[in-house]
Amino acid sequence: MKKVFCGSIMFLTGMISIAILLAGSMANDWTVDGRLSSFWTLSNYGLLPALYIFIAVSLIGIGIAVWGIFDENKK
């Protein structure tokens, strides 16, 4: 149960962080060919590594949660 809880919290934290980064990048007026581009804005600010880290945290979190669900070592 602890693995499921920890993994769920990690997944939620990663997803909220990704949403904040993407929403914050769209708050700027920078456009590419007349279109707003969140990835272009993130790369200009140097925040793409942070985005990749948050994606990794989310994937690790969902992995831990699934591992906790199917764990054979139940008491």
N, C-alpha and C. Protein backbone atom coordinates (compact mmCIF):
# COMPACT_ATOMS: atom_id res chain seq x y z
N MET A 1 0.82 -1.19 0.00
CA MET A 1 0.00 0.00 0.00
C MET A 1 0.87 1.26 0.00
N LYS A 2 2.00 1.19 0.68
CA LYS A 2 2.88 2.35 0.73
C LYS A 2 3.46 2.67 -0.64
N LYS A 3 3.74 1.64 -1.44
CA LYS A 3 4.27 1.86 -2.78
C LYS A 3 3.23 2.52 -3.67
N VAL A 4 2.01 2.09 -3.54
CA VAL A 4 0.93 2.66 -4.35
C VAL A 4 0.75 4.13 -3.99
N PHE A 5 0.75 4.44 -2.72
CA PHE A 5 0.58 5.82 -2.27
C PHE A 5 1.75 6.69 -2.72
N CYS A 6 2.96 6.22 -2.52
CA CYS A 6 4.15 6.97 -2.92
C CYS A 6 4.19 7.19 -4.42
N GLY A 7 3.89 6.15 -5.19
CA GLY A 7 3.88 6.26 -6.64
C GLY A 7 2.80 7.21 -7.13
N SER A 8 1.65 7.16 -6.50
CA SER A 8 0.56 8.06 -6.89
C SER A 8 0.90 9.51 -6.62
N ILE A 9 1.52 9.76 -5.49
CA ILE A 9 1.93 11.13 -5.15
C ILE A 9 3.01 11.61 -6.11
N MET A 10 3.97 10.74 -6.46
CA MET A 10 5.00 11.13 -7.42
C MET A 10 4.39 11.43 -8.79
N PHE A 11 3.46 10.60 -9.22
CA PHE A 11 2.79 10.81 -10.50
C PHE A 11 2.02 12.13 -10.50
N LEU A 12 1.27 12.38 -9.44
CA LEU A 12 0.50 13.61 -9.33
C LEU A 12 1.42 14.84 -9.31
N THR A 13 2.51 14.75 -8.57
CA THR A 13 3.46 15.85 -8.51
C THR A 13 4.05 16.15 -9.88
N GLY A 14 4.43 15.11 -10.60
CA GLY A 14 4.99 15.30 -11.94
C GLY A 14 3.98 15.91 -12.89
N MET A 15 2.75 15.44 -12.86
CA MET A 15 1.73 15.95 -13.77
C MET A 15 1.38 17.41 -13.47
N ILE A 16 1.29 17.75 -12.20
CA ILE A 16 1.01 19.14 -11.83
C ILE A 16 2.16 20.04 -12.26
N SER A 17 3.39 19.59 -12.10
CA SER A 17 4.55 20.37 -12.51
C SER A 17 4.57 20.58 -14.02
N ILE A 18 4.26 19.54 -14.77
CA ILE A 18 4.19 19.65 -16.23
C ILE A 18 3.10 20.65 -16.63
N ALA A 19 1.95 20.55 -16.00
CA ALA A 19 0.85 21.46 -16.33
C ALA A 19 1.21 22.91 -16.02
N ILE A 20 1.89 23.14 -14.92
CA ILE A 20 2.30 24.50 -14.57
C ILE A 20 3.31 25.03 -15.57
N LEU A 21 4.27 24.20 -15.96
CA LEU A 21 5.26 24.64 -16.95
C LEU A 21 4.60 24.97 -18.29
N LEU A 22 3.73 24.10 -18.76
CA LEU A 22 3.10 24.33 -20.05
C LEU A 22 2.13 25.51 -20.01
N ALA A 23 1.39 25.67 -18.93
CA ALA A 23 0.47 26.80 -18.82
C ALA A 23 1.24 28.11 -18.67
N GLY A 24 2.32 28.08 -17.93
CA GLY A 24 3.13 29.29 -17.77
C GLY A 24 3.81 29.71 -19.06
N SER A 25 4.19 28.74 -19.87
CA SER A 25 4.84 29.09 -21.13
C SER A 25 3.85 29.69 -22.12
N MET A 26 2.59 29.34 -22.00
CA MET A 26 1.59 29.90 -22.91
C MET A 26 1.14 31.29 -22.47
N ALA A 27 1.56 31.75 -21.31
CA ALA A 27 1.20 33.08 -20.84
C ALA A 27 1.99 34.16 -21.56
N ASN A 28 3.10 33.78 -22.20
CA ASN A 28 3.90 34.75 -22.95
C ASN A 28 3.26 35.05 -24.30
N ASP A 29 3.72 36.14 -24.90
CA ASP A 29 3.20 36.52 -26.21
C ASP A 29 4.10 36.07 -27.35
N TRP A 30 5.05 35.18 -27.09
CA TRP A 30 5.96 34.74 -28.15
C TRP A 30 5.23 33.77 -29.07
N THR A 31 5.41 33.97 -30.35
CA THR A 31 4.77 33.12 -31.34
C THR A 31 5.80 32.60 -32.34
N VAL A 32 5.48 31.48 -32.97
CA VAL A 32 6.28 30.92 -34.05
C VAL A 32 5.38 30.85 -35.27
N ASP A 33 5.70 31.61 -36.30
CA ASP A 33 4.89 31.67 -37.52
C ASP A 33 3.43 32.01 -37.21
N GLY A 34 3.22 32.91 -36.30
CA GLY A 34 1.87 33.32 -35.96
C GLY A 34 1.14 32.40 -35.00
N ARG A 35 1.80 31.36 -34.52
CA ARG A 35 1.18 30.42 -33.58
C ARG A 35 1.94 30.43 -32.26
N LEU A 36 1.21 30.23 -31.20
CA LEU A 36 1.85 30.08 -29.89
C LEU A 36 2.49 28.71 -29.80
N SER A 37 3.67 28.65 -29.26
CA SER A 37 4.38 27.37 -29.15
C SER A 37 4.97 27.25 -27.75
N SER A 38 4.43 26.33 -26.97
CA SER A 38 4.91 26.18 -25.60
C SER A 38 6.31 25.57 -25.57
N PHE A 39 6.58 24.64 -26.47
CA PHE A 39 7.90 24.00 -26.47
C PHE A 39 8.99 24.98 -26.92
N TRP A 40 8.67 25.84 -27.84
CA TRP A 40 9.63 26.84 -28.28
C TRP A 40 9.92 27.83 -27.15
N THR A 41 8.87 28.22 -26.44
CA THR A 41 9.05 29.12 -25.31
C THR A 41 9.87 28.46 -24.21
N LEU A 42 9.59 27.19 -23.92
CA LEU A 42 10.35 26.48 -22.90
C LEU A 42 11.82 26.35 -23.30
N SER A 43 12.09 26.12 -24.57
CA SER A 43 13.48 25.99 -25.00
C SER A 43 14.20 27.33 -24.94
N ASN A 44 13.49 28.43 -25.20
CA ASN A 44 14.12 29.75 -25.09
C ASN A 44 14.49 30.08 -23.65
N TYR A 45 13.68 29.66 -22.71
CA TYR A 45 13.99 29.90 -21.30
C TYR A 45 14.90 28.83 -20.71
N GLY A 46 15.20 27.81 -21.47
CA GLY A 46 16.06 26.73 -20.98
C GLY A 46 15.36 25.79 -20.02
N LEU A 47 14.06 25.64 -20.18
CA LEU A 47 13.28 24.82 -19.26
C LEU A 47 12.93 23.44 -19.80
N LEU A 48 13.42 23.09 -20.98
CA LEU A 48 13.13 21.75 -21.50
C LEU A 48 13.73 20.64 -20.63
N PRO A 49 14.94 20.80 -20.07
CA PRO A 49 15.42 19.75 -19.15
C PRO A 49 14.52 19.57 -17.93
N ALA A 50 13.95 20.65 -17.43
CA ALA A 50 13.02 20.54 -16.30
C ALA A 50 11.77 19.79 -16.71
N LEU A 51 11.29 20.05 -17.92
CA LEU A 51 10.11 19.34 -18.43
C LEU A 51 10.40 17.85 -18.54
N TYR A 52 11.57 17.51 -19.05
CA TYR A 52 11.94 16.09 -19.17
C TYR A 52 12.08 15.43 -17.80
N ILE A 53 12.60 16.15 -16.84
CA ILE A 53 12.72 15.60 -15.47
C ILE A 53 11.34 15.36 -14.88
N PHE A 54 10.41 16.30 -15.08
CA PHE A 54 9.05 16.12 -14.55
C PHE A 54 8.35 14.95 -15.24
N ILE A 55 8.60 14.76 -16.53
CA ILE A 55 8.03 13.61 -17.23
C ILE A 55 8.60 12.32 -16.66
N ALA A 56 9.90 12.31 -16.38
CA ALA A 56 10.53 11.12 -15.80
C ALA A 56 9.98 10.83 -14.41
N VAL A 57 9.77 11.86 -13.60
CA VAL A 57 9.20 11.67 -12.26
C VAL A 57 7.80 11.06 -12.37
N SER A 58 7.02 11.52 -13.33
CA SER A 58 5.67 10.97 -13.52
C SER A 58 5.71 9.51 -13.94
N LEU A 59 6.60 9.19 -14.87
CA LEU A 59 6.70 7.81 -15.32
C LEU A 59 7.21 6.88 -14.22
N ILE A 60 8.18 7.34 -13.45
CA ILE A 60 8.68 6.54 -12.33
C ILE A 60 7.58 6.35 -11.29
N GLY A 61 6.82 7.41 -11.04
CA GLY A 61 5.73 7.33 -10.06
C GLY A 61 4.66 6.34 -10.47
N ILE A 62 4.27 6.36 -11.74
CA ILE A 62 3.24 5.41 -12.18
C ILE A 62 3.79 3.99 -12.17
N GLY A 63 5.09 3.86 -12.44
CA GLY A 63 5.72 2.54 -12.37
C GLY A 63 5.73 1.98 -10.96
N ILE A 64 6.06 2.83 -9.99
CA ILE A 64 6.05 2.39 -8.59
C ILE A 64 4.64 2.04 -8.13
N ALA A 65 3.65 2.83 -8.56
CA ALA A 65 2.27 2.55 -8.16
C ALA A 65 1.78 1.22 -8.73
N VAL A 66 2.10 0.96 -10.00
CA VAL A 66 1.69 -0.31 -10.60
C VAL A 66 2.42 -1.47 -9.95
N TRP A 67 3.71 -1.27 -9.65
CA TRP A 67 4.49 -2.30 -8.96
C TRP A 67 3.89 -2.59 -7.59
N GLY A 68 3.44 -1.56 -6.89
CA GLY A 68 2.81 -1.76 -5.58
C GLY A 68 1.50 -2.50 -5.67
N ILE A 69 0.78 -2.32 -6.76
CA ILE A 69 -0.50 -3.02 -6.92
C ILE A 69 -0.28 -4.50 -7.12
N PHE A 70 0.72 -4.84 -7.95
CA PHE A 70 0.95 -6.24 -8.28
C PHE A 70 2.04 -6.89 -7.45
N ASP A 71 2.39 -6.30 -6.32
CA ASP A 71 3.45 -6.85 -5.47
C ASP A 71 2.99 -8.16 -4.84
N GLU A 72 3.82 -9.16 -4.97
CA GLU A 72 3.51 -10.51 -4.44
C GLU A 72 3.73 -10.59 -2.93
N ASN A 73 4.45 -9.67 -2.34
CA ASN A 73 4.83 -9.74 -0.93
C ASN A 73 3.78 -9.07 -0.07
N LYS A 74 2.56 -9.60 -0.09
CA LYS A 74 1.49 -9.05 0.73
C LYS A 74 1.43 -9.80 2.04
N LYS A 75 1.19 -9.06 3.11
CA LYS A 75 1.16 -9.68 4.45
C LYS A 75 -0.25 -10.01 4.88
